[in-house]
Amino acid sequence: MATDLYRLQIAGRPMVDESFLAGERELTYDDLSPYLTPLGMSMDLSPIDERIEEIKSDDDIDPQSSNIDAELAPTLHRALSLTRNQAADAGLWHYLCVVRFSDFVHYRWDHVYNPEKPGNMEEKFLKAGADIYSNALHRLWWAAELTYEPSDTGEPEDRDYERTKRALEFQELANDVFDRWFARYQPVAIACVDLLNHEALDELKEEGDYANPPSNSDIVSDTTTRLREELTVRRVEAMETDQITQTIESLRDDVMRGEEK
């Protein structure tokens, strides 16, 4: 059943107060209706509801685990059939997180709530737009958008989201890639995930070419930091895919060898 989508206006954001962030009260459509603008589109959100319930009932997926992200992102991306311009509307994600899926946001992120620093929780509801990695649902949609493989049929249900899952299962990889500006260029996001996921790094370590390599988390952190610095002097859109791959491989190998910048 299709559900109308709305944008939460800026004027409604003060309603997202500390009692809401602490999970002590809900904000309904009626509460926020003066601040909701219809977007003129409807989508069936029931697959997202169903997948969330499946995740909650799965004993192998702990509450607040990054595995939740990996399991939900493909369904979220398929169900929310948005253009990138539509997905850039922060107010849409604020509506989805504050009204439609607030229970999920609390289920996934309540551990970051600190009454002395409520901003950590607030951003899960009220970030988005140019920041593609803070809002609880916006981050999952964009991670999928930047990493999925289209199907030959063109049908959403036939897309391959294995790369998306590899990225989101490894929290440090997801953080260090999608929280940086270069992730907005899809070939860079794909190359980072392919070269820096757990499986790829573990395979390199098993080959034994590197003495005492750092932890996978440190490899990801240092490589993406060096990549960010490298791309400050290079126009990434002008680089061929092979150049991007070779650049990341070279930086990663330097890190694994313990070479200083």
Protein backbone atom coordinates (compact mmCIF):
# COMPACT_ATOMS: atom_id res chain seq x y z
CA MET A 1 0.00 0.00 0.00
CA ALA A 2 1.46 3.34 -1.05
CA THR A 3 2.23 5.95 1.58
CA ASP A 4 2.40 9.69 0.89
CA LEU A 5 5.81 11.21 1.53
CA TYR A 6 6.42 14.55 3.21
CA ARG A 7 9.17 17.02 3.96
CA LEU A 8 9.65 18.18 7.55
CA GLN A 9 10.11 21.94 7.42
CA ILE A 10 12.93 23.67 9.30
CA ALA A 11 10.34 25.30 11.57
CA GLY A 12 9.38 21.87 12.88
CA ARG A 13 12.83 20.81 13.97
CA PRO A 14 12.60 22.33 17.48
CA MET A 15 9.87 19.73 18.14
CA VAL A 16 12.65 17.15 18.09
CA ASP A 17 13.60 17.93 21.67
CA GLU A 18 15.52 16.06 24.34
CA SER A 19 12.53 14.03 25.51
CA PHE A 20 12.06 12.76 21.96
CA LEU A 21 15.76 12.04 21.54
CA ALA A 22 15.74 10.13 24.82
CA GLY A 23 12.89 7.97 23.58
CA GLU A 24 10.49 9.29 26.21
CA ARG A 25 7.85 10.45 23.71
CA GLU A 26 6.85 10.10 20.07
CA LEU A 27 6.08 12.70 17.44
CA THR A 28 3.14 11.74 15.24
CA TYR A 29 1.91 13.06 11.93
CA ASP A 30 -0.75 15.03 13.81
CA ASP A 31 1.87 16.58 16.11
CA LEU A 32 3.93 17.77 13.16
CA SER A 33 1.27 18.37 10.51
CA PRO A 34 1.72 22.19 10.55
CA TYR A 35 5.35 21.61 9.58
CA LEU A 36 4.90 18.88 6.95
CA THR A 37 4.91 19.65 3.23
CA PRO A 38 3.57 17.01 0.80
CA LEU A 39 6.16 15.96 -1.76
CA GLY A 40 3.59 14.81 -4.28
CA MET A 41 4.82 11.22 -4.37
CA SER A 42 3.77 7.99 -2.73
CA MET A 43 5.71 4.77 -2.18
CA ASP A 44 5.05 1.39 -0.60
CA LEU A 45 7.07 1.41 2.62
CA SER A 46 5.76 -1.93 3.89
CA PRO A 47 8.83 -3.89 2.68
CA ILE A 48 10.95 -1.67 4.94
CA ASP A 49 8.61 -2.30 7.89
CA GLU A 50 8.73 -6.03 7.25
CA ARG A 51 12.52 -6.13 6.95
CA ILE A 52 12.93 -4.16 10.18
CA GLU A 53 10.74 -6.66 12.01
CA GLU A 54 12.74 -9.56 10.55
CA ILE A 55 15.97 -7.95 11.70
CA LYS A 56 14.63 -7.37 15.21
CA SER A 57 13.53 -11.00 15.49
CA ASP A 58 16.84 -12.40 14.20
CA ASP A 59 18.86 -13.66 17.18
CA ASP A 60 22.06 -13.39 15.14
CA ILE A 61 21.70 -9.63 14.69
CA ASP A 62 22.28 -7.68 17.88
CA PRO A 63 20.43 -4.42 18.56
CA GLN A 64 22.56 -1.38 17.67
CA SER A 65 24.91 -3.56 15.58
CA SER A 66 26.30 -2.36 12.25
CA ASN A 67 24.96 -5.61 10.79
CA ILE A 68 21.54 -3.96 10.99
CA ASP A 69 22.73 -1.40 8.43
CA ALA A 70 23.96 -4.07 6.05
CA GLU A 71 20.72 -6.02 6.30
CA LEU A 72 18.36 -3.07 5.90
CA ALA A 73 20.10 -0.95 3.25
CA PRO A 74 19.16 -3.06 0.18
CA THR A 75 15.47 -3.15 1.10
CA LEU A 76 15.45 0.56 1.94
CA HIS A 77 17.07 1.46 -1.36
CA ARG A 78 14.74 -0.72 -3.42
CA ALA A 79 11.61 0.55 -1.68
CA LEU A 80 12.58 4.23 -1.79
CA SER A 81 12.82 4.62 -5.54
CA LEU A 82 14.27 8.12 -5.52
CA THR A 83 16.38 10.09 -7.93
CA ARG A 84 19.57 11.51 -6.45
CA ASN A 85 18.03 14.97 -6.55
CA GLN A 86 15.03 13.74 -4.56
CA ALA A 87 17.32 11.95 -2.12
CA ALA A 88 19.19 15.20 -1.52
CA ASP A 89 16.10 16.69 0.14
CA ALA A 90 17.02 16.69 3.82
CA GLY A 91 13.43 17.34 4.89
CA LEU A 92 12.29 14.02 3.41
CA TRP A 93 14.74 12.09 5.56
CA HIS A 94 13.84 14.15 8.61
CA TYR A 95 10.20 13.16 8.11
CA LEU A 96 11.07 9.49 7.61
CA CYS A 97 13.29 9.35 10.69
CA VAL A 98 11.23 11.51 13.04
CA VAL A 99 7.72 10.34 12.11
CA ARG A 100 7.66 7.19 9.98
CA PHE A 101 10.61 5.16 11.27
CA SER A 102 11.49 6.75 14.62
CA ASP A 103 11.24 3.38 16.42
CA PHE A 104 13.91 1.99 14.13
CA VAL A 105 16.21 4.96 14.65
CA HIS A 106 15.99 4.47 18.40
CA TYR A 107 16.49 0.71 18.05
CA ARG A 108 19.66 1.23 16.03
CA TRP A 109 21.13 4.32 17.69
CA ASP A 110 19.93 4.72 21.30
CA HIS A 111 23.42 3.83 22.50
CA VAL A 112 24.77 7.18 21.25
CA TYR A 113 22.28 9.24 23.25
CA ASN A 114 23.91 11.35 25.94
CA PRO A 115 21.79 14.01 27.67
CA GLU A 116 24.91 16.15 28.05
CA LYS A 117 25.69 15.86 24.33
CA PRO A 118 22.36 15.29 22.58
CA GLY A 119 23.79 16.30 19.22
CA ASN A 120 25.10 12.77 18.59
CA MET A 121 21.55 11.44 18.66
CA GLU A 122 19.97 14.50 17.07
CA GLU A 123 22.01 14.08 13.89
CA LYS A 124 20.54 10.61 13.37
CA PHE A 125 17.16 12.31 12.97
CA LEU A 126 18.01 15.77 11.61
CA LYS A 127 21.14 15.54 9.47
CA ALA A 128 21.08 14.75 5.71
CA GLY A 129 21.41 16.84 2.56
CA ALA A 130 25.10 17.38 1.80
CA ASP A 131 26.02 15.23 4.81
CA ILE A 132 25.41 11.75 3.41
CA TYR A 133 26.50 9.77 6.44
CA SER A 134 24.86 11.00 9.65
CA ASN A 135 21.09 10.66 9.23
CA ALA A 136 20.07 7.10 10.21
CA LEU A 137 18.28 6.29 6.93
CA HIS A 138 19.84 8.75 4.50
CA ARG A 139 23.25 7.13 5.14
CA LEU A 140 21.93 3.67 4.26
CA TRP A 141 20.21 4.83 1.08
CA TRP A 142 23.32 6.61 -0.17
CA ALA A 143 25.66 3.75 0.75
CA ALA A 144 23.48 1.48 -1.36
CA GLU A 145 23.11 4.03 -4.16
CA LEU A 146 26.87 4.39 -4.48
CA THR A 147 27.77 0.70 -4.32
CA TYR A 148 25.01 -1.51 -5.77
CA GLU A 149 25.37 -3.31 -9.11
CA PRO A 150 22.49 -2.71 -11.53
CA SER A 151 20.76 -5.78 -12.92
CA ASP A 152 20.59 -6.79 -16.56
CA THR A 153 16.81 -6.70 -16.32
CA GLY A 154 16.77 -3.21 -14.86
CA GLU A 155 14.43 -4.40 -12.12
CA PRO A 156 15.18 -3.24 -8.54
CA GLU A 157 14.59 -6.73 -7.13
CA ASP A 158 17.39 -8.10 -9.32
CA ARG A 159 20.08 -5.64 -8.20
CA ASP A 160 23.23 -6.95 -6.50
CA TYR A 161 23.89 -5.35 -3.11
CA GLU A 162 26.76 -7.56 -1.96
CA ARG A 163 29.24 -4.69 -2.13
CA THR A 164 26.85 -2.54 -0.09
CA LYS A 165 26.69 -5.23 2.58
CA ARG A 166 30.47 -5.63 2.70
CA ALA A 167 30.83 -1.91 3.28
CA LEU A 168 28.19 -1.56 5.97
CA GLU A 169 29.17 -4.70 7.88
CA PHE A 170 32.59 -3.12 8.47
CA GLN A 171 31.69 -0.02 10.48
CA GLU A 172 35.09 1.63 10.18
CA LEU A 173 35.05 1.19 6.40
CA ALA A 174 31.57 2.67 6.11
CA ASN A 175 32.49 5.59 8.35
CA ASP A 176 35.82 6.37 6.71
CA VAL A 177 34.52 6.13 3.14
CA PHE A 178 31.00 7.55 3.17
CA ASP A 179 31.76 10.30 5.65
CA ARG A 180 34.29 11.82 3.23
CA TRP A 181 33.51 14.04 0.27
CA PHE A 182 35.23 11.73 -2.24
CA ALA A 183 32.57 9.04 -1.65
CA ARG A 184 30.13 11.16 -3.64
CA TYR A 185 32.05 10.10 -6.77
CA GLN A 186 30.84 6.55 -7.31
CA PRO A 187 34.01 5.02 -8.86
CA VAL A 188 35.98 6.06 -5.75
CA ALA A 189 33.39 4.64 -3.36
CA ILE A 190 33.32 1.34 -5.25
CA ALA A 191 37.12 1.05 -5.42
CA CYS A 192 37.47 1.81 -1.70
CA VAL A 193 34.98 -0.86 -0.73
CA ASP A 194 36.45 -3.45 -3.11
CA LEU A 195 40.03 -2.87 -1.95
CA LEU A 196 39.50 -2.22 1.78
CA ASN A 197 36.79 -4.62 2.91
CA HIS A 198 37.62 -7.27 5.52
CA GLU A 199 37.78 -10.12 3.02
CA ALA A 200 40.15 -8.30 0.67
CA LEU A 201 42.49 -7.21 3.48
CA ASP A 202 42.49 -10.62 5.16
CA GLU A 203 43.38 -12.25 1.83
CA LEU A 204 46.34 -9.89 1.39
CA LYS A 205 47.55 -10.66 4.91
CA GLU A 206 47.32 -14.41 4.29
CA GLU A 207 49.59 -14.05 1.27
CA GLY A 208 52.33 -13.00 3.68
CA ASP A 209 53.84 -10.21 1.60
CA TYR A 210 53.58 -7.71 4.47
CA ALA A 211 55.41 -8.08 7.77
CA ASN A 212 53.30 -7.09 10.79
CA PRO A 213 50.57 -5.25 8.89
CA PRO A 214 48.27 -2.98 10.92
CA SER A 215 44.74 -3.96 11.90
CA ASN A 216 42.12 -3.76 9.18
CA SER A 217 40.55 -0.75 10.89
CA ASP A 218 43.88 1.08 10.95
CA ILE A 219 44.54 0.21 7.31
CA VAL A 220 41.19 1.67 6.31
CA SER A 221 41.63 4.78 8.44
CA ASP A 222 45.15 5.54 7.23
CA THR A 223 44.46 4.70 3.59
CA THR A 224 41.35 6.87 3.34
CA THR A 225 43.13 9.71 5.13
CA ARG A 226 45.96 9.54 2.61
CA LEU A 227 43.45 9.30 -0.24
CA ARG A 228 41.69 12.43 0.97
CA GLU A 229 45.01 14.27 0.99
CA GLU A 230 45.96 12.89 -2.42
CA LEU A 231 42.71 14.05 -3.96
CA THR A 232 43.16 17.60 -2.74
CA VAL A 233 45.70 18.04 -5.53
CA ARG A 234 44.01 15.88 -8.17
CA ARG A 235 40.65 16.28 -9.87
CA VAL A 236 39.04 12.94 -9.19
CA GLU A 237 36.41 13.32 -11.94
CA ALA A 238 39.25 13.48 -14.48
CA MET A 239 40.77 10.19 -13.31
CA GLU A 240 40.07 6.93 -15.12
CA THR A 241 38.73 4.01 -13.09
CA ASP A 242 42.07 2.19 -13.40
CA GLN A 243 43.89 5.26 -12.08
CA ILE A 244 41.58 5.44 -9.10
CA THR A 245 42.12 1.76 -8.33
CA GLN A 246 45.89 2.02 -8.71
CA THR A 247 46.03 5.09 -6.47
CA ILE A 248 44.09 3.40 -3.66
CA GLU A 249 46.09 0.18 -4.02
CA SER A 250 49.36 2.10 -3.78
CA LEU A 251 48.26 4.02 -0.71
CA ARG A 252 46.92 0.87 0.94
CA ASP A 253 50.14 -1.02 0.26
CA ASP A 254 52.21 1.81 1.76
CA VAL A 255 50.10 1.60 4.89
CA MET A 256 50.42 -2.17 5.07
CA ARG A 257 54.20 -1.89 4.75
CA GLY A 258 54.24 0.66 7.55
CA GLU A 259 55.69 3.37 5.35
CA GLU A 260 55.42 6.96 6.59
CA LYS A 261 53.59 9.53 4.50
